[in-house]
Amino acid sequence: QVQLVESGGGLVQAEGSLRLSCAASGRTFSGYAMGWFRQAPGKEREFVAAISWSGRSTYYANSVKGRFTISRDNAKNTVFLQMNNLKFEDTAVYYCAGKGSQTVATMTVTYTGDYEYDYWGQGTQVTVSS
């Protein structure tokens, strides 16, 4: 079992930046592939970014590519989402998610489907004012 706690959300003006953090506790964080998802009011949860357990591979939704950066610090059991040039349409609750059962064979594998993840945080609100 791993527990995930997001932080860093808030209110920011358009074109501003925020850095989200997701702190993990419990089982070995370094063995988990991680992802960020978001859900805006009235919309389904959508994929934002993912990083392999090794940190060697990342993948982004087209809507955030070039603006958001996912990274991880396994020594600190934390995954980050740096969000730059924020737009009004980025307003949502942001969730981090973890997928266990990773092996050497999945060192560079990222996961984009929410059904693929085993653990979820409680979410952090990001509001971008236009």
C-alpha atoms as a PDB file:
ATOM      1  CA  GLN A   1       0.000   0.000   0.000  1.00  0.00           C
ATOM      2  CA  VAL A   2       1.224   3.510  -0.786  1.00  0.00           C
ATOM      3  CA  GLN A   3      -0.328   6.782   0.280  1.00  0.00           C
ATOM      4  CA  LEU A   4      -0.162   9.815  -2.002  1.00  0.00           C
ATOM      5  CA  VAL A   5      -0.637  13.410  -0.892  1.00  0.00           C
ATOM      6  CA  GLU A   6      -0.682  16.278  -3.380  1.00  0.00           C
ATOM      7  CA  SER A   7       0.184  19.873  -2.596  1.00  0.00           C
ATOM      8  CA  GLY A   8       1.029  23.095  -4.361  1.00  0.00           C
ATOM      9  CA  GLY A   9      -2.284  23.954  -5.936  1.00  0.00           C
ATOM     10  CA  GLY A  10      -3.815  27.403  -5.742  1.00  0.00           C
ATOM     11  CA  LEU A  11      -5.034  30.429  -7.626  1.00  0.00           C
ATOM     12  CA  VAL A  12      -2.794  31.847 -10.338  1.00  0.00           C
ATOM     13  CA  GLN A  13      -3.218  34.296 -13.184  1.00  0.00           C
ATOM     14  CA  ALA A  14      -3.073  33.165 -16.768  1.00  0.00           C
ATOM     15  CA  GLU A  15       0.515  32.771 -18.035  1.00  0.00           C
ATOM     16  CA  GLY A  16       1.657  32.158 -14.483  1.00  0.00           C
ATOM     17  CA  SER A  17       3.307  29.062 -13.024  1.00  0.00           C
ATOM     18  CA  LEU A  18       2.673  26.529 -10.292  1.00  0.00           C
ATOM     19  CA  ARG A  19       4.576  23.508  -9.077  1.00  0.00           C
ATOM     20  CA  LEU A  20       2.592  20.580  -7.781  1.00  0.00           C
ATOM     21  CA  SER A  21       4.127  17.986  -5.512  1.00  0.00           C
ATOM     22  CA  CYS A  22       2.973  14.493  -4.678  1.00  0.00           C
ATOM     23  CA  ALA A  23       4.544  12.935  -1.617  1.00  0.00           C
ATOM     24  CA  ALA A  24       4.402   9.176  -1.277  1.00  0.00           C
ATOM     25  CA  SER A  25       4.619   7.080   1.840  1.00  0.00           C
ATOM     26  CA  GLY A  26       4.356   3.394   2.442  1.00  0.00           C
ATOM     27  CA  ARG A  27       5.969   0.967   0.089  1.00  0.00           C
ATOM     28  CA  THR A  28       9.044   1.664  -2.019  1.00  0.00           C
ATOM     29  CA  PHE A  29       8.219   4.708  -4.097  1.00  0.00           C
ATOM     30  CA  SER A  30      11.040   4.173  -6.553  1.00  0.00           C
ATOM     31  CA  GLY A  31       9.323   1.043  -7.834  1.00  0.00           C
ATOM     32  CA  TYR A  32       6.184   2.900  -8.870  1.00  0.00           C
ATOM     33  CA  ALA A  33       5.380   4.486 -12.193  1.00  0.00           C
ATOM     34  CA  MET A  34       3.607   7.784 -11.565  1.00  0.00           C
ATOM     35  CA  GLY A  35       1.131   9.958 -13.355  1.00  0.00           C
ATOM     36  CA  TRP A  36      -0.820  13.190 -13.063  1.00  0.00           C
ATOM     37  CA  PHE A  37      -4.453  13.494 -14.051  1.00  0.00           C
ATOM     38  CA  ARG A  38      -6.953  16.322 -13.778  1.00  0.00           C
ATOM     39  CA  GLN A  39     -10.685  16.769 -13.642  1.00  0.00           C
ATOM     40  CA  ALA A  40     -12.476  19.993 -14.449  1.00  0.00           C
ATOM     41  CA  PRO A  41     -16.053  20.652 -13.301  1.00  0.00           C
ATOM     42  CA  GLY A  42     -18.535  18.745 -15.427  1.00  0.00           C
ATOM     43  CA  LYS A  43     -15.817  16.879 -17.288  1.00  0.00           C
ATOM     44  CA  GLU A  44     -14.266  13.462 -17.081  1.00  0.00           C
ATOM     45  CA  ARG A  45     -10.879  12.928 -15.524  1.00  0.00           C
ATOM     46  CA  GLU A  46      -8.121  13.242 -18.126  1.00  0.00           C
ATOM     47  CA  PHE A  47      -4.499  12.277 -18.400  1.00  0.00           C
ATOM     48  CA  VAL A  48      -1.908  15.033 -18.012  1.00  0.00           C
ATOM     49  CA  ALA A  49       1.561  13.532 -17.677  1.00  0.00           C
ATOM     50  CA  ALA A  50       3.350  10.318 -16.720  1.00  0.00           C
ATOM     51  CA  ILE A  51       6.832   9.234 -15.713  1.00  0.00           C
ATOM     52  CA  SER A  52       8.335   5.772 -15.603  1.00  0.00           C
ATOM     53  CA  TRP A  53       9.558   4.333 -12.331  1.00  0.00           C
ATOM     54  CA  SER A  54      13.162   4.915 -13.377  1.00  0.00           C
ATOM     55  CA  GLY A  55      12.452   8.503 -14.384  1.00  0.00           C
ATOM     56  CA  ARG A  56      13.970   7.817 -17.792  1.00  0.00           C
ATOM     57  CA  SER A  57      10.732   8.237 -19.723  1.00  0.00           C
ATOM     58  CA  THR A  58       8.019  10.843 -19.625  1.00  0.00           C
ATOM     59  CA  TYR A  59       4.859  11.363 -21.633  1.00  0.00           C
ATOM     60  CA  TYR A  60       2.469  14.288 -21.908  1.00  0.00           C
ATOM     61  CA  ALA A  61      -0.999  15.057 -23.114  1.00  0.00           C
ATOM     62  CA  ASN A  62      -0.907  17.223 -26.216  1.00  0.00           C
ATOM     63  CA  SER A  63      -2.732  19.985 -24.367  1.00  0.00           C
ATOM     64  CA  VAL A  64       0.141  20.473 -21.904  1.00  0.00           C
ATOM     65  CA  LYS A  65       3.168  19.473 -23.975  1.00  0.00           C
ATOM     66  CA  GLY A  66       5.817  22.166 -23.896  1.00  0.00           C
ATOM     67  CA  ARG A  67       4.244  23.856 -20.862  1.00  0.00           C
ATOM     68  CA  PHE A  68       4.246  21.153 -18.155  1.00  0.00           C
ATOM     69  CA  THR A  69       7.140  19.045 -16.902  1.00  0.00           C
ATOM     70  CA  ILE A  70       6.854  15.922 -14.775  1.00  0.00           C
ATOM     71  CA  SER A  71       9.820  14.815 -12.685  1.00  0.00           C
ATOM     72  CA  ARG A  72      10.548  12.676  -9.661  1.00  0.00           C
ATOM     73  CA  ASP A  73      12.967  12.551  -6.779  1.00  0.00           C
ATOM     74  CA  ASN A  74      13.046   8.981  -5.559  1.00  0.00           C
ATOM     75  CA  ALA A  75      15.252   9.902  -2.617  1.00  0.00           C
ATOM     76  CA  LYS A  76      12.474  12.186  -1.393  1.00  0.00           C
ATOM     77  CA  ASN A  77       9.608   9.930  -2.447  1.00  0.00           C
ATOM     78  CA  THR A  78       8.119  12.784  -4.415  1.00  0.00           C
ATOM     79  CA  VAL A  79       6.877  13.414  -7.929  1.00  0.00           C
ATOM     80  CA  PHE A  80       6.468  16.927  -9.278  1.00  0.00           C
ATOM     81  CA  LEU A  81       4.473  18.668 -11.963  1.00  0.00           C
ATOM     82  CA  GLN A  82       5.915  22.000 -13.023  1.00  0.00           C
ATOM     83  CA  MET A  83       3.225  23.970 -14.816  1.00  0.00           C
ATOM     84  CA  ASN A  84       4.223  27.035 -16.821  1.00  0.00           C
ATOM     85  CA  ASN A  85       2.253  29.389 -19.048  1.00  0.00           C
ATOM     86  CA  LEU A  86      -0.966  28.304 -17.392  1.00  0.00           C
ATOM     87  CA  LYS A  87      -4.208  28.814 -19.243  1.00  0.00           C
ATOM     88  CA  PHE A  88      -7.764  29.202 -18.024  1.00  0.00           C
ATOM     89  CA  GLU A  89      -8.550  25.751 -19.402  1.00  0.00           C
ATOM     90  CA  ASP A  90      -5.962  24.215 -17.060  1.00  0.00           C
ATOM     91  CA  THR A  91      -8.320  24.904 -14.165  1.00  0.00           C
ATOM     92  CA  ALA A  92      -9.116  21.563 -12.525  1.00  0.00           C
ATOM     93  CA  VAL A  93      -8.486  19.329  -9.561  1.00  0.00           C
ATOM     94  CA  TYR A  94      -5.147  17.638 -10.140  1.00  0.00           C
ATOM     95  CA  TYR A  95      -4.532  14.095  -8.941  1.00  0.00           C
ATOM     96  CA  CYS A  96      -1.349  12.094  -8.766  1.00  0.00           C
ATOM     97  CA  ALA A  97      -1.481   8.357  -9.220  1.00  0.00           C
ATOM     98  CA  GLY A  98       0.894   5.466  -8.713  1.00  0.00           C
ATOM     99  CA  LYS A  99       1.214   2.117 -10.400  1.00  0.00           C
ATOM    100  CA  GLY A 100       3.086  -0.670  -8.682  1.00  0.00           C
ATOM    101  CA  SER A 101       4.388  -4.024  -9.885  1.00  0.00           C
ATOM    102  CA  GLN A 102       7.098  -2.394 -11.954  1.00  0.00           C
ATOM    103  CA  THR A 103      10.141  -4.378 -13.061  1.00  0.00           C
ATOM    104  CA  VAL A 104      13.342  -3.894 -15.003  1.00  0.00           C
ATOM    105  CA  ALA A 105      11.327  -4.675 -18.117  1.00  0.00           C
ATOM    106  CA  THR A 106       9.089  -1.643 -17.517  1.00  0.00           C
ATOM    107  CA  MET A 107      11.927   0.757 -16.746  1.00  0.00           C
ATOM    108  CA  THR A 108      10.900   3.104 -19.564  1.00  0.00           C
ATOM    109  CA  VAL A 109       7.170   2.434 -19.602  1.00  0.00           C
ATOM    110  CA  THR A 110       4.652   5.185 -18.890  1.00  0.00           C
ATOM    111  CA  TYR A 111       0.915   4.761 -18.390  1.00  0.00           C
ATOM    112  CA  THR A 112      -1.800   7.084 -19.638  1.00  0.00           C
ATOM    113  CA  GLY A 113      -5.004   5.312 -18.643  1.00  0.00           C
ATOM    114  CA  ASP A 114      -6.455   6.059 -15.230  1.00  0.00           C
ATOM    115  CA  TYR A 115      -7.593   2.440 -14.991  1.00  0.00           C
ATOM    116  CA  GLU A 116      -3.945   1.389 -15.053  1.00  0.00           C
ATOM    117  CA  TYR A 117      -3.100   3.017 -11.738  1.00  0.00           C
ATOM    118  CA  ASP A 118      -3.422   1.400  -8.340  1.00  0.00           C
ATOM    119  CA  TYR A 119      -3.200   4.346  -5.953  1.00  0.00           C
ATOM    120  CA  TRP A 120      -4.552   7.877  -6.001  1.00  0.00           C
ATOM    121  CA  GLY A 121      -4.110  11.033  -4.003  1.00  0.00           C
ATOM    122  CA  GLN A 122      -6.963  13.206  -2.781  1.00  0.00           C
ATOM    123  CA  GLY A 123      -6.335  15.942  -5.337  1.00  0.00           C
ATOM    124  CA  THR A 124      -5.308  19.576  -5.248  1.00  0.00           C
ATOM    125  CA  GLN A 125      -7.237  22.436  -6.817  1.00  0.00           C
ATOM    126  CA  VAL A 126      -5.621  24.566  -9.503  1.00  0.00           C
ATOM    127  CA  THR A 127      -7.538  27.664 -10.561  1.00  0.00           C
ATOM    128  CA  VAL A 128      -6.283  29.871 -13.376  1.00  0.00           C
ATOM    129  CA  SER A 129      -7.859  33.292 -13.693  1.00  0.00           C
ATOM    130  CA  SER A 130      -8.106  34.790 -17.147  1.00  0.00           C
END
